[in-house]
Each structure stands twice: as C-alpha cells, then as structure tokens.
Amino acid sequence: MGSEQTSLLQGTLDLLILKSLIAGEMHGLGISRRIQQISGGTFDVKPGSLFPALHRMEEEGWISAFWGDSENNRRAKYYRLTKPGRKQLEAETKRWGRISLAIAQALEAS
C-alpha cells in the first residue's frame, strides 16, 4: 500500500481502539501505535481523532481510564476495556464483517 495513510470510516476507529485494548491497558500513544501495528501501517490515528474517541467511549462505558506513569516516567492516562466494551467489540466485529462482505459482493457485481 505504499506510504499512503487511509482515513477511517465512522465507527471503524471505535472498533480498532476496542480491538487494541483487548491485549491489555494502554495509554493513548500506545493505542495509536497498536492500531498502526495491527493494521499493517494502514491507519495512523492522530491525537485529534484518538482522544475525542477515547473520551466518548469512556462516557459510553466501553472503556475505563486511570492515571499512571508511562515507560519514560511521565504521567499518562491509561485505558482499559470494560465488560460492556467487550460486548461492543463483539457486536462491532460482527457488524463490520457484514459490511465488508456486502462491499466485496457489490464490487464483484457486474
């Protein structure tokens, strides 16, 4: 895919954040790096998109947050997946599967 960065569809960022946190709690920069890693470098989530999404997801109860020290001894806000967040991840994964299948079928139509 080259060095082209792809923008995220509405709802996709939530799915990627939830998926990132399945591995364990992380601070914002760690989540951003994890999304880049699991997407093979396709998605580069900037703080201006990430932090509003994290705040909204915290309000939804999908994630919880706490303050701690990062690996370089700086104060950082860490996020973890909640039980409702795990259910949301499952629902969003199924929804995304249906959407991607429908798009693939549409692209193959003649």
N, C-alpha and C. Protein backbone atom coordinates (compact mmCIF):
# COMPACT_ATOMS: atom_id res chain seq x y z
N MET A 1 0.81 -1.21 0.00
CA MET A 1 0.00 0.00 0.00
C MET A 1 0.85 1.27 0.00
N GLY A 2 2.13 1.13 -0.01
CA GLY A 2 2.99 2.30 -0.02
C GLY A 2 2.93 3.03 1.31
N SER A 3 3.20 4.33 1.27
CA SER A 3 3.18 5.12 2.50
C SER A 3 1.87 5.88 2.67
N GLU A 4 0.91 5.58 1.81
CA GLU A 4 -0.38 6.25 1.88
C GLU A 4 -1.10 5.91 3.19
N GLN A 5 -1.57 6.92 3.90
CA GLN A 5 -2.34 6.71 5.13
C GLN A 5 -3.82 6.80 4.77
N THR A 6 -4.60 5.91 5.32
CA THR A 6 -6.01 5.84 4.99
C THR A 6 -6.83 6.46 6.11
N SER A 7 -7.85 7.24 5.75
CA SER A 7 -8.73 7.80 6.77
C SER A 7 -9.75 6.73 7.19
N LEU A 8 -10.26 6.86 8.39
CA LEU A 8 -11.15 5.86 8.96
C LEU A 8 -12.61 6.23 8.77
N LEU A 9 -13.42 5.25 8.44
CA LEU A 9 -14.85 5.45 8.38
C LEU A 9 -15.41 5.61 9.78
N GLN A 10 -16.53 6.31 9.90
CA GLN A 10 -17.19 6.46 11.19
C GLN A 10 -17.45 5.08 11.80
N GLY A 11 -17.10 4.91 13.05
CA GLY A 11 -17.32 3.63 13.72
C GLY A 11 -16.12 2.70 13.64
N THR A 12 -15.30 2.85 12.62
CA THR A 12 -14.14 1.98 12.46
C THR A 12 -13.09 2.28 13.52
N LEU A 13 -12.92 3.54 13.86
CA LEU A 13 -11.95 3.91 14.89
C LEU A 13 -12.32 3.26 16.22
N ASP A 14 -13.60 3.29 16.56
CA ASP A 14 -14.05 2.63 17.80
C ASP A 14 -13.65 1.17 17.80
N LEU A 15 -13.91 0.50 16.71
CA LEU A 15 -13.60 -0.92 16.59
C LEU A 15 -12.11 -1.16 16.78
N LEU A 16 -11.28 -0.34 16.15
CA LEU A 16 -9.83 -0.51 16.25
C LEU A 16 -9.31 -0.21 17.65
N ILE A 17 -9.89 0.78 18.31
CA ILE A 17 -9.50 1.09 19.69
C ILE A 17 -9.87 -0.08 20.61
N LEU A 18 -11.10 -0.56 20.49
CA LEU A 18 -11.53 -1.68 21.32
C LEU A 18 -10.65 -2.91 21.07
N LYS A 19 -10.36 -3.18 19.82
CA LYS A 19 -9.51 -4.33 19.46
C LYS A 19 -8.11 -4.16 20.05
N SER A 20 -7.58 -2.94 20.02
CA SER A 20 -6.25 -2.68 20.58
C SER A 20 -6.21 -2.97 22.07
N LEU A 21 -7.28 -2.61 22.77
CA LEU A 21 -7.31 -2.76 24.22
C LEU A 21 -7.59 -4.18 24.69
N ILE A 22 -7.93 -5.08 23.77
CA ILE A 22 -8.15 -6.47 24.15
C ILE A 22 -6.84 -7.06 24.68
N ALA A 23 -5.71 -6.54 24.21
CA ALA A 23 -4.39 -7.02 24.63
C ALA A 23 -4.02 -6.55 26.04
N GLY A 24 -4.73 -5.55 26.56
CA GLY A 24 -4.44 -5.02 27.90
C GLY A 24 -4.47 -3.51 27.90
N GLU A 25 -4.33 -2.95 29.09
CA GLU A 25 -4.43 -1.49 29.23
C GLU A 25 -3.26 -0.80 28.55
N MET A 26 -3.55 0.40 28.01
CA MET A 26 -2.55 1.18 27.29
C MET A 26 -2.86 2.66 27.43
N HIS A 27 -1.83 3.48 27.27
CA HIS A 27 -2.06 4.92 27.19
C HIS A 27 -2.32 5.28 25.72
N GLY A 28 -2.72 6.52 25.49
CA GLY A 28 -3.14 6.95 24.15
C GLY A 28 -2.12 6.67 23.07
N LEU A 29 -0.86 7.02 23.32
CA LEU A 29 0.17 6.80 22.31
C LEU A 29 0.33 5.31 22.02
N GLY A 30 0.23 4.48 23.06
CA GLY A 30 0.31 3.04 22.88
C GLY A 30 -0.83 2.51 22.02
N ILE A 31 -2.03 3.06 22.23
CA ILE A 31 -3.20 2.66 21.42
C ILE A 31 -2.96 3.04 19.97
N SER A 32 -2.49 4.25 19.74
CA SER A 32 -2.21 4.71 18.38
C SER A 32 -1.19 3.80 17.69
N ARG A 33 -0.13 3.46 18.41
CA ARG A 33 0.91 2.57 17.85
C ARG A 33 0.34 1.18 17.58
N ARG A 34 -0.49 0.69 18.50
CA ARG A 34 -1.08 -0.64 18.33
C ARG A 34 -1.99 -0.69 17.10
N ILE A 35 -2.78 0.36 16.89
CA ILE A 35 -3.66 0.42 15.72
C ILE A 35 -2.81 0.40 14.45
N GLN A 36 -1.73 1.15 14.44
CA GLN A 36 -0.84 1.16 13.27
C GLN A 36 -0.26 -0.23 13.05
N GLN A 37 0.11 -0.90 14.14
CA GLN A 37 0.70 -2.24 14.05
C GLN A 37 -0.32 -3.26 13.53
N ILE A 38 -1.52 -3.30 14.12
CA ILE A 38 -2.49 -4.33 13.73
C ILE A 38 -3.10 -4.07 12.36
N SER A 39 -2.97 -2.83 11.88
CA SER A 39 -3.50 -2.52 10.54
C SER A 39 -2.39 -2.57 9.48
N GLY A 40 -1.24 -3.09 9.85
CA GLY A 40 -0.14 -3.19 8.90
C GLY A 40 0.35 -1.83 8.43
N GLY A 41 0.20 -0.81 9.28
CA GLY A 41 0.63 0.53 8.94
C GLY A 41 -0.36 1.32 8.11
N THR A 42 -1.52 0.75 7.84
CA THR A 42 -2.51 1.42 7.01
C THR A 42 -3.13 2.62 7.72
N PHE A 43 -3.39 2.47 9.03
CA PHE A 43 -4.05 3.54 9.77
C PHE A 43 -3.09 4.20 10.75
N ASP A 44 -2.97 5.51 10.63
CA ASP A 44 -2.14 6.33 11.51
C ASP A 44 -3.11 7.27 12.22
N VAL A 45 -3.49 6.93 13.45
CA VAL A 45 -4.51 7.71 14.17
C VAL A 45 -3.84 8.87 14.89
N LYS A 46 -4.25 10.06 14.54
CA LYS A 46 -3.70 11.28 15.13
C LYS A 46 -4.42 11.60 16.44
N PRO A 47 -3.72 12.30 17.36
CA PRO A 47 -4.33 12.64 18.65
C PRO A 47 -5.67 13.38 18.52
N GLY A 48 -5.81 14.21 17.49
CA GLY A 48 -7.04 14.97 17.30
C GLY A 48 -8.25 14.09 17.01
N SER A 49 -8.02 12.87 16.54
CA SER A 49 -9.10 11.90 16.34
C SER A 49 -9.19 10.92 17.50
N LEU A 50 -8.03 10.51 18.01
CA LEU A 50 -7.98 9.48 19.03
C LEU A 50 -8.60 9.93 20.35
N PHE A 51 -8.16 11.07 20.87
CA PHE A 51 -8.59 11.46 22.22
C PHE A 51 -10.07 11.80 22.33
N PRO A 52 -10.67 12.46 21.34
CA PRO A 52 -12.13 12.62 21.42
C PRO A 52 -12.87 11.28 21.40
N ALA A 53 -12.36 10.32 20.60
CA ALA A 53 -12.98 8.99 20.55
C ALA A 53 -12.83 8.28 21.90
N LEU A 54 -11.66 8.37 22.51
CA LEU A 54 -11.45 7.74 23.82
C LEU A 54 -12.38 8.35 24.86
N HIS A 55 -12.51 9.66 24.84
CA HIS A 55 -13.40 10.34 25.79
C HIS A 55 -14.85 9.88 25.61
N ARG A 56 -15.29 9.83 24.37
CA ARG A 56 -16.66 9.40 24.08
C ARG A 56 -16.88 7.95 24.50
N MET A 57 -15.90 7.11 24.23
CA MET A 57 -16.02 5.69 24.57
C MET A 57 -16.01 5.49 26.09
N GLU A 58 -15.29 6.35 26.79
CA GLU A 58 -15.29 6.30 28.25
C GLU A 58 -16.68 6.69 28.78
N GLU A 59 -17.28 7.71 28.17
CA GLU A 59 -18.63 8.12 28.56
C GLU A 59 -19.65 7.03 28.27
N GLU A 60 -19.44 6.26 27.20
CA GLU A 60 -20.33 5.14 26.84
C GLU A 60 -20.17 3.96 27.80
N GLY A 61 -19.07 3.95 28.55
CA GLY A 61 -18.80 2.85 29.47
C GLY A 61 -18.07 1.68 28.84
N TRP A 62 -17.57 1.87 27.61
CA TRP A 62 -16.87 0.79 26.90
C TRP A 62 -15.44 0.64 27.38
N ILE A 63 -14.88 1.74 27.88
CA ILE A 63 -13.52 1.72 28.42
C ILE A 63 -13.52 2.48 29.74
N SER A 64 -12.53 2.20 30.56
CA SER A 64 -12.32 2.98 31.78
C SER A 64 -10.90 3.54 31.71
N ALA A 65 -10.64 4.57 32.50
CA ALA A 65 -9.35 5.24 32.44
C ALA A 65 -8.81 5.49 33.85
N PHE A 66 -7.50 5.53 33.95
CA PHE A 66 -6.83 5.87 35.20
C PHE A 66 -5.48 6.49 34.87
N TRP A 67 -4.95 7.25 35.82
CA TRP A 67 -3.66 7.90 35.62
C TRP A 67 -2.55 7.00 36.15
N GLY A 68 -1.46 6.94 35.41
CA GLY A 68 -0.29 6.16 35.83
C GLY A 68 0.96 6.74 35.19
N ASP A 69 2.07 6.08 35.43
CA ASP A 69 3.35 6.52 34.86
C ASP A 69 3.66 5.70 33.63
N SER A 70 4.07 6.39 32.57
CA SER A 70 4.43 5.70 31.32
C SER A 70 5.83 5.10 31.46
N GLU A 71 6.26 4.40 30.42
CA GLU A 71 7.58 3.76 30.44
C GLU A 71 8.72 4.76 30.58
N ASN A 72 8.49 6.02 30.22
CA ASN A 72 9.54 7.04 30.39
C ASN A 72 9.25 7.95 31.59
N ASN A 73 8.52 7.41 32.57
CA ASN A 73 8.21 8.09 33.84
C ASN A 73 7.44 9.40 33.69
N ARG A 74 6.65 9.50 32.66
CA ARG A 74 5.76 10.65 32.50
C ARG A 74 4.36 10.23 32.91
N ARG A 75 3.60 11.16 33.41
CA ARG A 75 2.23 10.88 33.81
C ARG A 75 1.40 10.67 32.54
N ALA A 76 0.63 9.60 32.49
CA ALA A 76 -0.17 9.30 31.30
C ALA A 76 -1.51 8.71 31.73
N LYS A 77 -2.51 8.95 30.91
CA LYS A 77 -3.82 8.37 31.16
C LYS A 77 -3.88 7.02 30.45
N TYR A 78 -4.17 5.99 31.21
CA TYR A 78 -4.27 4.64 30.68
C TYR A 78 -5.72 4.25 30.52
N TYR A 79 -5.98 3.44 29.51
CA TYR A 79 -7.34 2.99 29.20
C TYR A 79 -7.39 1.48 29.23
N ARG A 80 -8.53 0.96 29.69
CA ARG A 80 -8.74 -0.49 29.68
C ARG A 80 -10.15 -0.78 29.22
N LEU A 81 -10.32 -1.94 28.63
CA LEU A 81 -11.60 -2.40 28.13
C LEU A 81 -12.48 -2.83 29.32
N THR A 82 -13.76 -2.47 29.28
CA THR A 82 -14.71 -2.90 30.30
C THR A 82 -15.53 -4.06 29.75
N LYS A 83 -16.34 -4.65 30.60
CA LYS A 83 -17.21 -5.74 30.16
C LYS A 83 -18.15 -5.26 29.04
N PRO A 84 -18.82 -4.09 29.21
CA PRO A 84 -19.64 -3.59 28.09
C PRO A 84 -18.80 -3.31 26.83
N GLY A 85 -17.54 -2.93 27.01
CA GLY A 85 -16.64 -2.71 25.88
C GLY A 85 -16.36 -3.99 25.12
N ARG A 86 -16.22 -5.09 25.85
CA ARG A 86 -16.00 -6.40 25.20
C ARG A 86 -17.23 -6.79 24.39
N LYS A 87 -18.41 -6.53 24.94
CA LYS A 87 -19.65 -6.82 24.20
C LYS A 87 -19.76 -5.94 22.97
N GLN A 88 -19.37 -4.67 23.11
CA GLN A 88 -19.40 -3.75 21.97
C GLN A 88 -18.42 -4.19 20.90
N LEU A 89 -17.24 -4.65 21.30
CA LEU A 89 -16.24 -5.15 20.35
C LEU A 89 -16.81 -6.32 19.56
N GLU A 90 -17.47 -7.22 20.25
CA GLU A 90 -18.07 -8.38 19.59
C GLU A 90 -19.14 -7.94 18.58
N ALA A 91 -20.01 -7.02 19.01
CA ALA A 91 -21.08 -6.53 18.13
C ALA A 91 -20.52 -5.79 16.93
N GLU A 92 -19.52 -4.93 17.16
CA GLU A 92 -18.92 -4.15 16.07
C GLU A 92 -18.15 -5.06 15.10
N THR A 93 -17.53 -6.10 15.62
CA THR A 93 -16.80 -7.04 14.77
C THR A 93 -17.77 -7.75 13.83
N LYS A 94 -18.91 -8.20 14.36
CA LYS A 94 -19.93 -8.84 13.53
C LYS A 94 -20.49 -7.86 12.49
N ARG A 95 -20.77 -6.63 12.94
CA ARG A 95 -21.31 -5.61 12.03
C ARG A 95 -20.31 -5.33 10.90
N TRP A 96 -19.04 -5.18 11.26
CA TRP A 96 -18.02 -4.89 10.25
C TRP A 96 -17.89 -6.05 9.28
N GLY A 97 -18.01 -7.27 9.77
CA GLY A 97 -17.95 -8.45 8.89
C GLY A 97 -19.07 -8.41 7.85
N ARG A 98 -20.28 -8.04 8.29
CA ARG A 98 -21.41 -7.95 7.35
C ARG A 98 -21.18 -6.83 6.32
N ILE A 99 -20.68 -5.70 6.79
CA ILE A 99 -20.42 -4.56 5.89
C ILE A 99 -19.35 -4.92 4.87
N SER A 100 -18.25 -5.51 5.32
CA SER A 100 -17.17 -5.82 4.37
C SER A 100 -17.58 -6.89 3.37
N LEU A 101 -18.39 -7.83 3.80
CA LEU A 101 -18.91 -8.84 2.87
C LEU A 101 -19.81 -8.19 1.83
N ALA A 102 -20.69 -7.29 2.27
CA ALA A 102 -21.59 -6.62 1.34
C ALA A 102 -20.81 -5.76 0.34
N ILE A 103 -19.78 -5.08 0.79
CA ILE A 103 -18.97 -4.25 -0.12
C ILE A 103 -18.24 -5.15 -1.11
N ALA A 104 -17.67 -6.26 -0.63
CA ALA A 104 -16.98 -7.18 -1.54
C ALA A 104 -17.94 -7.72 -2.61
N GLN A 105 -19.15 -8.06 -2.21
CA GLN A 105 -20.15 -8.55 -3.16
C GLN A 105 -20.52 -7.46 -4.16
N ALA A 106 -20.67 -6.25 -3.69
CA ALA A 106 -21.02 -5.13 -4.58
C ALA A 106 -19.91 -4.89 -5.60
N LEU A 107 -18.66 -5.00 -5.17
CA LEU A 107 -17.53 -4.77 -6.08
C LEU A 107 -17.40 -5.88 -7.11
N GLU A 108 -17.85 -7.07 -6.78
CA GLU A 108 -17.77 -8.18 -7.72
C GLU A 108 -18.95 -8.23 -8.68
N ALA A 109 -20.01 -7.46 -8.38
CA ALA A 109 -21.20 -7.46 -9.24
C ALA A 109 -20.86 -6.89 -10.61
N SER A 110 -21.55 -7.41 -11.63
CA SER A 110 -21.28 -6.90 -12.98
C SER A 110 -22.44 -6.05 -13.46
